[in-house]
């Protein structure tokens, strides 16, 4: 939970509540960590994986229309920039978690 909370930029109690809700909805299941009895591992259920796939497909569909109206070179530049943008998002999240806001 601590790792999820940190990566999600929320408090541990908030993440615990969210995970409990996801488990109640049958989207994730909790499993004991075989190497650490204090830790809990989470796994997507088939229903959770289906929902994730549906959300990713919906996001891709929302982007496909606007992207189709751009020049191929623009789409290529955007595609090439995605890894750097993901790293930037990680840095911003890490900074926000350490300092209580974006610095």
PDB file of N, CA and C in Angstrom:
ATOM      1  N   UNK A   1       0.827  -1.196   0.000  1.00  0.00           N
ATOM      2  CA  UNK A   1       0.000   0.000   0.000  1.00  0.00           C
ATOM      3  C   UNK A   1       0.870   1.258   0.000  1.00  0.00           C
ATOM      4  N   UNK A   2       1.965   1.200   0.743  1.00  0.00           N
ATOM      5  CA  UNK A   2       2.842   2.366   0.816  1.00  0.00           C
ATOM      6  C   UNK A   2       3.403   2.708  -0.552  1.00  0.00           C
ATOM      7  N   UNK A   3       3.848   1.697  -1.289  1.00  0.00           N
ATOM      8  CA  UNK A   3       4.391   1.945  -2.630  1.00  0.00           C
ATOM      9  C   UNK A   3       3.332   2.512  -3.561  1.00  0.00           C
ATOM     10  N   UNK A   4       2.133   1.964  -3.511  1.00  0.00           N
ATOM     11  CA  UNK A   4       1.047   2.476  -4.353  1.00  0.00           C
ATOM     12  C   UNK A   4       0.690   3.907  -3.979  1.00  0.00           C
ATOM     13  N   UNK A   5       0.603   4.169  -2.691  1.00  0.00           N
ATOM     14  CA  UNK A   5       0.263   5.514  -2.238  1.00  0.00           C
ATOM     15  C   UNK A   5       1.310   6.514  -2.701  1.00  0.00           C
ATOM     16  N   UNK A   6       2.568   6.148  -2.565  1.00  0.00           N
ATOM     17  CA  UNK A   6       3.645   7.043  -2.977  1.00  0.00           C
ATOM     18  C   UNK A   6       3.594   7.292  -4.478  1.00  0.00           C
ATOM     19  N   UNK A   7       3.455   6.230  -5.254  1.00  0.00           N
ATOM     20  CA  UNK A   7       3.436   6.413  -6.709  1.00  0.00           C
ATOM     21  C   UNK A   7       2.175   7.139  -7.173  1.00  0.00           C
ATOM     22  N   UNK A   8       1.083   6.990  -6.420  1.00  0.00           N
ATOM     23  CA  UNK A   8      -0.158   7.662  -6.775  1.00  0.00           C
ATOM     24  C   UNK A   8      -0.290   9.060  -6.218  1.00  0.00           C
ATOM     25  N   UNK A   9       0.656   9.445  -5.367  1.00  0.00           N
ATOM     26  CA  UNK A   9       0.621  10.788  -4.809  1.00  0.00           C
ATOM     27  C   UNK A   9      -0.502  11.005  -3.816  1.00  0.00           C
ATOM     28  N   UNK A  10      -0.890   9.922  -3.103  1.00  0.00           N
ATOM     29  CA  UNK A  10      -1.948  10.027  -2.105  1.00  0.00           C
ATOM     30  C   UNK A  10      -1.432   9.470  -0.783  1.00  0.00           C
ATOM     31  N   UNK A  11      -2.207   9.658   0.266  1.00  0.00           N
ATOM     32  CA  UNK A  11      -1.815   9.123   1.569  1.00  0.00           C
ATOM     33  C   UNK A  11      -2.082   7.621   1.612  1.00  0.00           C
ATOM     34  N   UNK A  12      -1.422   6.953   2.534  1.00  0.00           N
ATOM     35  CA  UNK A  12      -1.631   5.513   2.667  1.00  0.00           C
ATOM     36  C   UNK A  12      -3.079   5.187   3.051  1.00  0.00           C
ATOM     37  N   UNK A  13      -3.709   5.929   3.984  1.00  0.00           N
ATOM     38  CA  UNK A  13      -5.119   5.630   4.274  1.00  0.00           C
ATOM     39  C   UNK A  13      -6.030   5.797   3.052  1.00  0.00           C
ATOM     40  N   UNK A  14      -5.757   6.797   2.221  1.00  0.00           N
ATOM     41  CA  UNK A  14      -6.563   6.974   1.007  1.00  0.00           C
ATOM     42  C   UNK A  14      -6.394   5.800   0.066  1.00  0.00           C
ATOM     43  N   UNK A  15      -5.152   5.327  -0.093  1.00  0.00           N
ATOM     44  CA  UNK A  15      -4.905   4.194  -0.974  1.00  0.00           C
ATOM     45  C   UNK A  15      -5.547   2.931  -0.416  1.00  0.00           C
ATOM     46  N   UNK A  16      -5.488   2.763   0.893  1.00  0.00           N
ATOM     47  CA  UNK A  16      -6.109   1.597   1.520  1.00  0.00           C
ATOM     48  C   UNK A  16      -7.603   1.584   1.245  1.00  0.00           C
ATOM     49  N   UNK A  17      -8.243   2.744   1.354  1.00  0.00           N
ATOM     50  CA  UNK A  17      -9.675   2.856   1.071  1.00  0.00           C
ATOM     51  C   UNK A  17      -9.966   2.537  -0.389  1.00  0.00           C
ATOM     52  N   UNK A  18      -9.145   3.077  -1.289  1.00  0.00           N
ATOM     53  CA  UNK A  18      -9.345   2.826  -2.721  1.00  0.00           C
ATOM     54  C   UNK A  18      -9.188   1.341  -3.040  1.00  0.00           C
ATOM     55  N   UNK A  19      -8.154   0.720  -2.506  1.00  0.00           N
ATOM     56  CA  UNK A  19      -7.921  -0.701  -2.765  1.00  0.00           C
ATOM     57  C   UNK A  19      -9.065  -1.539  -2.191  1.00  0.00           C
ATOM     58  N   UNK A  20      -9.552  -1.182  -1.024  1.00  0.00           N
ATOM     59  CA  UNK A  20     -10.685  -1.908  -0.440  1.00  0.00           C
ATOM     60  C   UNK A  20     -11.902  -1.824  -1.355  1.00  0.00           C
ATOM     61  N   UNK A  21     -12.131  -0.644  -1.926  1.00  0.00           N
ATOM     62  CA  UNK A  21     -13.257  -0.472  -2.841  1.00  0.00           C
ATOM     63  C   UNK A  21     -13.069  -1.322  -4.103  1.00  0.00           C
ATOM     64  N   UNK A  22     -11.850  -1.320  -4.638  1.00  0.00           N
ATOM     65  CA  UNK A  22     -11.566  -2.126  -5.829  1.00  0.00           C
ATOM     66  C   UNK A  22     -11.743  -3.618  -5.541  1.00  0.00           C
ATOM     67  N   UNK A  23     -11.339  -4.044  -4.345  1.00  0.00           N
ATOM     68  CA  UNK A  23     -11.496  -5.448  -3.959  1.00  0.00           C
ATOM     69  C   UNK A  23     -12.980  -5.799  -3.811  1.00  0.00           C
ATOM     70  N   UNK A  24     -13.757  -4.899  -3.202  1.00  0.00           N
ATOM     71  CA  UNK A  24     -15.197  -5.130  -3.053  1.00  0.00           C
ATOM     72  C   UNK A  24     -15.883  -5.258  -4.401  1.00  0.00           C
ATOM     73  N   UNK A  25     -15.374  -4.524  -5.399  1.00  0.00           N
ATOM     74  CA  UNK A  25     -15.950  -4.567  -6.740  1.00  0.00           C
ATOM     75  C   UNK A  25     -15.419  -5.747  -7.559  1.00  0.00           C
ATOM     76  N   UNK A  26     -14.519  -6.517  -6.968  1.00  0.00           N
ATOM     77  CA  UNK A  26     -13.986  -7.686  -7.652  1.00  0.00           C
ATOM     78  C   UNK A  26     -12.948  -7.361  -8.710  1.00  0.00           C
ATOM     79  N   UNK A  27     -12.318  -6.187  -8.605  1.00  0.00           N
ATOM     80  CA  UNK A  27     -11.352  -5.768  -9.622  1.00  0.00           C
ATOM     81  C   UNK A  27      -9.916  -6.117  -9.258  1.00  0.00           C
ATOM     82  N   UNK A  28      -9.636  -6.227  -7.967  1.00  0.00           N
ATOM     83  CA  UNK A  28      -8.319  -6.665  -7.482  1.00  0.00           C
ATOM     84  C   UNK A  28      -8.525  -7.667  -6.365  1.00  0.00           C
ATOM     85  N   UNK A  29      -7.485  -8.458  -6.126  1.00  0.00           N
ATOM     86  CA  UNK A  29      -7.528  -9.347  -4.974  1.00  0.00           C
ATOM     87  C   UNK A  29      -6.232  -9.209  -4.202  1.00  0.00           C
ATOM     88  N   UNK A  30      -6.354  -9.335  -2.909  1.00  0.00           N
ATOM     89  CA  UNK A  30      -5.186  -9.245  -2.028  1.00  0.00           C
ATOM     90  C   UNK A  30      -4.612 -10.636  -1.835  1.00  0.00           C
ATOM     91  N   UNK A  31      -3.295 -10.678  -1.834  1.00  0.00           N
ATOM     92  CA  UNK A  31      -2.602 -11.942  -1.604  1.00  0.00           C
ATOM     93  C   UNK A  31      -1.485 -11.686  -0.610  1.00  0.00           C
ATOM     94  N   UNK A  32      -1.228 -12.655   0.240  1.00  0.00           N
ATOM     95  CA  UNK A  32      -0.120 -12.533   1.163  1.00  0.00           C
ATOM     96  C   UNK A  32       1.203 -12.645   0.420  1.00  0.00           C
ATOM     97  N   UNK A  33       2.177 -11.886   0.860  1.00  0.00           N
ATOM     98  CA  UNK A  33       3.513 -11.951   0.272  1.00  0.00           C
ATOM     99  C   UNK A  33       4.226 -13.157   0.881  1.00  0.00           C
ATOM    100  N   UNK A  34       4.621 -14.125   0.061  1.00  0.00           N
ATOM    101  CA  UNK A  34       5.254 -15.324   0.613  1.00  0.00           C
ATOM    102  C   UNK A  34       6.597 -15.045   1.282  1.00  0.00           C
ATOM    103  N   UNK A  35       7.223 -13.918   0.973  1.00  0.00           N
ATOM    104  CA  UNK A  35       8.526 -13.611   1.560  1.00  0.00           C
ATOM    105  C   UNK A  35       8.449 -12.648   2.736  1.00  0.00           C
ATOM    106  N   UNK A  36       7.291 -11.998   2.916  1.00  0.00           N
ATOM    107  CA  UNK A  36       7.141 -11.025   3.999  1.00  0.00           C
ATOM    108  C   UNK A  36       5.708 -11.086   4.506  1.00  0.00           C
ATOM    109  N   UNK A  37       5.518 -11.701   5.655  1.00  0.00           N
ATOM    110  CA  UNK A  37       4.183 -11.884   6.211  1.00  0.00           C
ATOM    111  C   UNK A  37       3.454 -10.587   6.517  1.00  0.00           C
ATOM    112  N   UNK A  38       4.179  -9.472   6.624  1.00  0.00           N
ATOM    113  CA  UNK A  38       3.542  -8.180   6.909  1.00  0.00           C
ATOM    114  C   UNK A  38       3.009  -7.517   5.654  1.00  0.00           C
ATOM    115  N   UNK A  39       3.524  -7.924   4.499  1.00  0.00           N
ATOM    116  CA  UNK A  39       3.184  -7.254   3.236  1.00  0.00           C
ATOM    117  C   UNK A  39       1.980  -7.916   2.562  1.00  0.00           C
ATOM    118  N   UNK A  40       1.308  -7.127   1.770  1.00  0.00           N
ATOM    119  CA  UNK A  40       0.173  -7.596   0.984  1.00  0.00           C
ATOM    120  C   UNK A  40       0.486  -7.326  -0.475  1.00  0.00           C
ATOM    121  N   UNK A  41       0.264  -8.318  -1.312  1.00  0.00           N
ATOM    122  CA  UNK A  41       0.410  -8.144  -2.755  1.00  0.00           C
ATOM    123  C   UNK A  41      -0.978  -8.003  -3.357  1.00  0.00           C
ATOM    124  N   UNK A  42      -1.076  -7.203  -4.389  1.00  0.00           N
ATOM    125  CA  UNK A  42      -2.345  -7.025  -5.088  1.00  0.00           C
ATOM    126  C   UNK A  42      -2.221  -7.589  -6.494  1.00  0.00           C
ATOM    127  N   UNK A  43      -3.301  -8.178  -6.956  1.00  0.00           N
ATOM    128  CA  UNK A  43      -3.330  -8.711  -8.317  1.00  0.00           C
ATOM    129  C   UNK A  43      -4.654  -8.320  -8.961  1.00  0.00           C
ATOM    130  N   UNK A  44      -4.579  -8.003 -10.234  1.00  0.00           N
ATOM    131  CA  UNK A  44      -5.808  -7.746 -10.977  1.00  0.00           C
ATOM    132  C   UNK A  44      -6.575  -9.043 -11.137  1.00  0.00           C
ATOM    133  N   UNK A  45      -7.866  -8.969 -10.975  1.00  0.00           N
ATOM    134  CA  UNK A  45      -8.717 -10.111 -11.292  1.00  0.00           C
ATOM    135  C   UNK A  45      -9.005 -10.057 -12.790  1.00  0.00           C
ATOM    136  N   UNK A  46      -9.569 -11.106 -13.361  1.00  0.00           N
ATOM    137  CA  UNK A  46      -9.958 -11.028 -14.770  1.00  0.00           C
ATOM    138  C   UNK A  46     -10.896  -9.844 -15.047  1.00  0.00           C
ATOM    139  N   UNK A  47     -11.811  -9.572 -14.121  1.00  0.00           N
ATOM    140  CA  UNK A  47     -12.716  -8.422 -14.297  1.00  0.00           C
ATOM    141  C   UNK A  47     -11.937  -7.113 -14.265  1.00  0.00           C
ATOM    142  N   UNK A  48     -10.940  -7.026 -13.380  1.00  0.00           N
ATOM    143  CA  UNK A  48     -10.107  -5.832 -13.313  1.00  0.00           C
ATOM    144  C   UNK A  48      -9.299  -5.646 -14.584  1.00  0.00           C
ATOM    145  N   UNK A  49      -8.749  -6.740 -15.111  1.00  0.00           N
ATOM    146  CA  UNK A  49      -7.983  -6.670 -16.360  1.00  0.00           C
ATOM    147  C   UNK A  49      -8.886  -6.244 -17.514  1.00  0.00           C
ATOM    148  N   UNK A  50     -10.119  -6.764 -17.550  1.00  0.00           N
ATOM    149  CA  UNK A  50     -11.064  -6.371 -18.612  1.00  0.00           C
ATOM    150  C   UNK A  50     -11.386  -4.885 -18.527  1.00  0.00           C
ATOM    151  N   UNK A  51     -11.639  -4.396 -17.317  1.00  0.00           N
ATOM    152  CA  UNK A  51     -11.945  -2.972 -17.151  1.00  0.00           C
ATOM    153  C   UNK A  51     -10.759  -2.113 -17.568  1.00  0.00           C
ATOM    154  N   UNK A  52      -9.556  -2.517 -17.181  1.00  0.00           N
ATOM    155  CA  UNK A  52      -8.361  -1.780 -17.574  1.00  0.00           C
ATOM    156  C   UNK A  52      -8.226  -1.753 -19.093  1.00  0.00           C
ATOM    157  N   UNK A  53      -8.441  -2.888 -19.738  1.00  0.00           N
ATOM    158  CA  UNK A  53      -8.382  -2.940 -21.202  1.00  0.00           C
ATOM    159  C   UNK A  53      -9.425  -2.020 -21.833  1.00  0.00           C
ATOM    160  N   UNK A  54     -10.629  -2.016 -21.282  1.00  0.00           N
ATOM    161  CA  UNK A  54     -11.701  -1.154 -21.804  1.00  0.00           C
ATOM    162  C   UNK A  54     -11.336   0.317 -21.672  1.00  0.00           C
ATOM    163  N   UNK A  55     -10.781   0.692 -20.525  1.00  0.00           N
ATOM    164  CA  UNK A  55     -10.404   2.101 -20.308  1.00  0.00           C
ATOM    165  C   UNK A  55      -9.267   2.507 -21.223  1.00  0.00           C
ATOM    166  N   UNK A  56      -8.300   1.628 -21.422  1.00  0.00           N
ATOM    167  CA  UNK A  56      -7.199   1.936 -22.334  1.00  0.00           C
ATOM    168  C   UNK A  56      -7.711   2.073 -23.762  1.00  0.00           C
ATOM    169  N   UNK A  57      -8.627   1.199 -24.168  1.00  0.00           N
ATOM    170  CA  UNK A  57      -9.192   1.275 -25.514  1.00  0.00           C
ATOM    171  C   UNK A  57      -9.984   2.565 -25.691  1.00  0.00           C
ATOM    172  N   UNK A  58     -10.745   2.955 -24.676  1.00  0.00           N
ATOM    173  CA  UNK A  58     -11.519   4.194 -24.757  1.00  0.00           C
ATOM    174  C   UNK A  58     -10.587   5.399 -24.871  1.00  0.00           C
ATOM    175  N   UNK A  59      -9.491   5.389 -24.114  1.00  0.00           N
ATOM    176  CA  UNK A  59      -8.518   6.481 -24.178  1.00  0.00           C
ATOM    177  C   UNK A  59      -7.883   6.540 -25.573  1.00  0.00           C
ATOM    178  N   UNK A  60      -7.525   5.388 -26.107  1.00  0.00           N
ATOM    179  CA  UNK A  60      -6.928   5.339 -27.447  1.00  0.00           C
ATOM    180  C   UNK A  60      -7.916   5.843 -28.492  1.00  0.00           C
ATOM    181  N   UNK A  61      -9.177   5.494 -28.333  1.00  0.00           N
ATOM    182  CA  UNK A  61     -10.204   5.942 -29.276  1.00  0.00           C
ATOM    183  C   UNK A  61     -10.384   7.463 -29.213  1.00  0.00           C
ATOM    184  N   UNK A  62     -10.351   8.025 -27.991  1.00  0.00           N
ATOM    185  CA  UNK A  62     -10.483   9.481 -27.850  1.00  0.00           C
ATOM    186  C   UNK A  62      -9.327  10.204 -28.517  1.00  0.00           C
ATOM    187  N   UNK A  63      -8.142   9.610 -28.494  1.00  0.00           N
ATOM    188  CA  UNK A  63      -6.970  10.251 -29.080  1.00  0.00           C
ATOM    189  C   UNK A  63      -6.852  10.021 -30.581  1.00  0.00           C
ATOM    190  N   UNK A  64      -7.399   8.918 -31.074  1.00  0.00           N
ATOM    191  CA  UNK A  64      -7.194   8.576 -32.476  1.00  0.00           C
ATOM    192  C   UNK A  64      -7.793   9.614 -33.421  1.00  0.00           C
ATOM    193  N   UNK A  65      -8.938  10.176 -33.084  1.00  0.00           N
ATOM    194  CA  UNK A  65      -9.547  11.195 -33.948  1.00  0.00           C
ATOM    195  C   UNK A  65      -8.672  12.424 -34.091  1.00  0.00           C
ATOM    196  N   UNK A  66      -8.318  13.064 -32.983  1.00  0.00           N
ATOM    197  CA  UNK A  66      -7.450  14.241 -33.083  1.00  0.00           C
ATOM    198  C   UNK A  66      -6.093  13.928 -33.707  1.00  0.00           C
ATOM    199  N   UNK A  67      -5.511  12.787 -33.382  1.00  0.00           N
ATOM    200  CA  UNK A  67      -4.205  12.443 -33.960  1.00  0.00           C
ATOM    201  C   UNK A  67      -4.300  12.234 -35.468  1.00  0.00           C
ATOM    202  N   UNK A  68      -5.429  11.736 -35.941  1.00  0.00           N
ATOM    203  CA  UNK A  68      -5.576  11.493 -37.372  1.00  0.00           C
ATOM    204  C   UNK A  68      -5.618  12.789 -38.169  1.00  0.00           C
ATOM    205  N   UNK A  69      -5.888  13.895 -37.494  1.00  0.00           N
ATOM    206  CA  UNK A  69      -5.942  15.194 -38.178  1.00  0.00           C
ATOM    207  C   UNK A  69      -4.586  15.898 -38.188  1.00  0.00           C
ATOM    208  N   UNK A  70      -3.582  15.272 -37.581  1.00  0.00           N
ATOM    209  CA  UNK A  70      -2.243  15.852 -37.560  1.00  0.00           C
ATOM    210  C   UNK A  70      -1.395  15.247 -38.676  1.00  0.00           C
ATOM    211  N   UNK A  71      -0.369  15.976 -39.060  1.00  0.00           N
ATOM    212  CA  UNK A  71       0.579  15.469 -40.046  1.00  0.00           C
ATOM    213  C   UNK A  71       1.343  14.286 -39.444  1.00  0.00           C
ATOM    214  N   UNK A  72       1.757  13.362 -40.302  1.00  0.00           N
ATOM    215  CA  UNK A  72       2.505  12.192 -39.843  1.00  0.00           C
ATOM    216  C   UNK A  72       3.740  12.587 -39.041  1.00  0.00           C
ATOM    217  N   UNK A  73       4.439  13.633 -39.459  1.00  0.00           N
ATOM    218  CA  UNK A  73       5.627  14.084 -38.724  1.00  0.00           C
ATOM    219  C   UNK A  73       5.262  14.531 -37.305  1.00  0.00           C
ATOM    220  N   UNK A  74       4.131  15.203 -37.144  1.00  0.00           N
ATOM    221  CA  UNK A  74       3.699  15.631 -35.812  1.00  0.00           C
ATOM    222  C   UNK A  74       3.382  14.426 -34.925  1.00  0.00           C
ATOM    223  N   UNK A  75       2.692  13.442 -35.492  1.00  0.00           N
ATOM    224  CA  UNK A  75       2.360  12.235 -34.732  1.00  0.00           C
ATOM    225  C   UNK A  75       3.647  11.513 -34.327  1.00  0.00           C
ATOM    226  N   UNK A  76       4.599  11.447 -35.221  1.00  0.00           N
ATOM    227  CA  UNK A  76       5.874  10.799 -34.929  1.00  0.00           C
ATOM    228  C   UNK A  76       6.607  11.539 -33.801  1.00  0.00           C
ATOM    229  N   UNK A  77       6.601  12.876 -33.846  1.00  0.00           N
ATOM    230  CA  UNK A  77       7.250  13.663 -32.788  1.00  0.00           C
ATOM    231  C   UNK A  77       6.574  13.437 -31.437  1.00  0.00           C
ATOM    232  N   UNK A  78       5.264  13.408 -31.444  1.00  0.00           N
ATOM    233  CA  UNK A  78       4.526  13.168 -30.202  1.00  0.00           C
ATOM    234  C   UNK A  78       4.857  11.773 -29.674  1.00  0.00           C
ATOM    235  N   UNK A  79       4.840  10.787 -30.545  1.00  0.00           N
ATOM    236  CA  UNK A  79       5.159   9.417 -30.144  1.00  0.00           C
ATOM    237  C   UNK A  79       6.560   9.325 -29.571  1.00  0.00           C
ATOM    238  N   UNK A  80       7.510   9.974 -30.207  1.00  0.00           N
ATOM    239  CA  UNK A  80       8.894   9.948 -29.739  1.00  0.00           C
ATOM    240  C   UNK A  80       9.057  10.673 -28.402  1.00  0.00           C
ATOM    241  N   UNK A  81       8.205  11.645 -28.134  1.00  0.00           N
ATOM    242  CA  UNK A  81       8.301  12.410 -26.886  1.00  0.00           C
ATOM    243  C   UNK A  81       7.658  11.694 -25.701  1.00  0.00           C
ATOM    244  N   UNK A  82       6.837  10.692 -25.937  1.00  0.00           N
ATOM    245  CA  UNK A  82       6.094  10.047 -24.846  1.00  0.00           C
ATOM    246  C   UNK A  82       6.988   9.471 -23.751  1.00  0.00           C
ATOM    247  N   UNK A  83       8.079   8.768 -24.052  1.00  0.00           N
ATOM    248  CA  UNK A  83       8.918   8.265 -22.949  1.00  0.00           C
ATOM    249  C   UNK A  83       9.471   9.389 -22.070  1.00  0.00           C
ATOM    250  N   UNK A  84       9.908  10.489 -22.688  1.00  0.00           N
ATOM    251  CA  UNK A  84      10.431  11.613 -21.899  1.00  0.00           C
ATOM    252  C   UNK A  84       9.321  12.248 -21.064  1.00  0.00           C
ATOM    253  N   UNK A  85       8.128  12.346 -21.611  1.00  0.00           N
ATOM    254  CA  UNK A  85       7.005  12.905 -20.857  1.00  0.00           C
ATOM    255  C   UNK A  85       6.632  12.001 -19.678  1.00  0.00           C
ATOM    256  N   UNK A  86       6.701  10.692 -19.873  1.00  0.00           N
ATOM    257  CA  UNK A  86       6.422   9.764 -18.771  1.00  0.00           C
ATOM    258  C   UNK A  86       7.471   9.917 -17.675  1.00  0.00           C
ATOM    259  N   UNK A  87       8.738  10.076 -18.060  1.00  0.00           N
ATOM    260  CA  UNK A  87       9.785  10.290 -17.056  1.00  0.00           C
ATOM    261  C   UNK A  87       9.560  11.610 -16.321  1.00  0.00           C
ATOM    262  N   UNK A  88       9.162  12.646 -17.048  1.00  0.00           N
ATOM    263  CA  UNK A  88       8.866  13.935 -16.429  1.00  0.00           C
ATOM    264  C   UNK A  88       7.734  13.786 -15.417  1.00  0.00           C
ATOM    265  N   UNK A  89       6.701  13.059 -15.781  1.00  0.00           N
ATOM    266  CA  UNK A  89       5.583  12.839 -14.854  1.00  0.00           C
ATOM    267  C   UNK A  89       6.071  12.128 -13.594  1.00  0.00           C
ATOM    268  N   UNK A  90       6.964  11.160 -13.756  1.00  0.00           N
ATOM    269  CA  UNK A  90       7.523  10.462 -12.604  1.00  0.00           C
ATOM    270  C   UNK A  90       8.331  11.387 -11.718  1.00  0.00           C
ATOM    271  N   UNK A  91       9.124  12.257 -12.324  1.00  0.00           N
ATOM    272  CA  UNK A  91       9.920  13.217 -11.548  1.00  0.00           C
ATOM    273  C   UNK A  91       8.999  14.171 -10.803  1.00  0.00           C
ATOM    274  N   UNK A  92       7.972  14.647 -11.468  1.00  0.00           N
ATOM    275  CA  UNK A  92       7.035  15.569 -10.822  1.00  0.00           C
ATOM    276  C   UNK A  92       6.306  14.887  -9.665  1.00  0.00           C
ATOM    277  N   UNK A  93       5.894  13.650  -9.865  1.00  0.00           N
ATOM    278  CA  UNK A  93       5.212  12.909  -8.801  1.00  0.00           C
ATOM    279  C   UNK A  93       6.151  12.692  -7.626  1.00  0.00           C
ATOM    280  N   UNK A  94       7.383  12.302  -7.916  1.00  0.00           N
ATOM    281  CA  UNK A  94       8.373  12.074  -6.858  1.00  0.00           C
ATOM    282  C   UNK A  94       8.630  13.379  -6.092  1.00  0.00           C
ATOM    283  N   UNK A  95       8.789  14.469  -6.822  1.00  0.00           N
ATOM    284  CA  UNK A  95       9.034  15.767  -6.201  1.00  0.00           C
ATOM    285  C   UNK A  95       7.849  16.198  -5.357  1.00  0.00           C
ATOM    286  N   UNK A  96       6.657  15.973  -5.876  1.00  0.00           N
ATOM    287  CA  UNK A  96       5.439  16.349  -5.158  1.00  0.00           C
ATOM    288  C   UNK A  96       5.308  15.541  -3.872  1.00  0.00           C
ATOM    289  N   UNK A  97       5.627  14.252  -3.928  1.00  0.00           N
ATOM    290  CA  UNK A  97       5.530  13.405  -2.745  1.00  0.00           C
ATOM    291  C   UNK A  97       6.549  13.799  -1.687  1.00  0.00           C
ATOM    292  N   UNK A  98       7.748  14.200  -2.104  1.00  0.00           N
ATOM    293  CA  UNK A  98       8.804  14.541  -1.156  1.00  0.00           C
ATOM    294  C   UNK A  98       8.601  15.911  -0.530  1.00  0.00           C
ATOM    295  N   UNK A  99       7.984  16.825  -1.287  1.00  0.00           N
ATOM    296  CA  UNK A  99       7.915  18.216  -0.826  1.00  0.00           C
ATOM    297  C   UNK A  99       6.496  18.711  -0.581  1.00  0.00           C
ATOM    298  N   UNK A 100       5.527  17.832  -0.727  1.00  0.00           N
ATOM    299  CA  UNK A 100       4.144  18.221  -0.466  1.00  0.00           C
ATOM    300  C   UNK A 100       3.553  19.104  -1.551  1.00  0.00           C
ATOM    301  N   UNK A 101       4.180  19.171  -2.683  1.00  0.00           N
ATOM    302  CA  UNK A 101       3.694  19.949  -3.817  1.00  0.00           C
ATOM    303  C   UNK A 101       4.757  19.980  -4.879  1.00  0.00           C
ATOM    304  N   UNK A 102       4.417  20.509  -6.006  1.00  0.00           N
ATOM    305  CA  UNK A 102       5.391  20.614  -7.098  1.00  0.00           C
ATOM    306  C   UNK A 102       6.368  21.698  -6.777  1.00  0.00           C
ATOM    307  N   UNK A 103       7.670  21.366  -6.918  1.00  0.00           N
ATOM    308  CA  UNK A 103       8.689  22.369  -6.619  1.00  0.00           C
ATOM    309  C   UNK A 103       9.423  22.780  -7.870  1.00  0.00           C
TER     310      UNK A 103
END
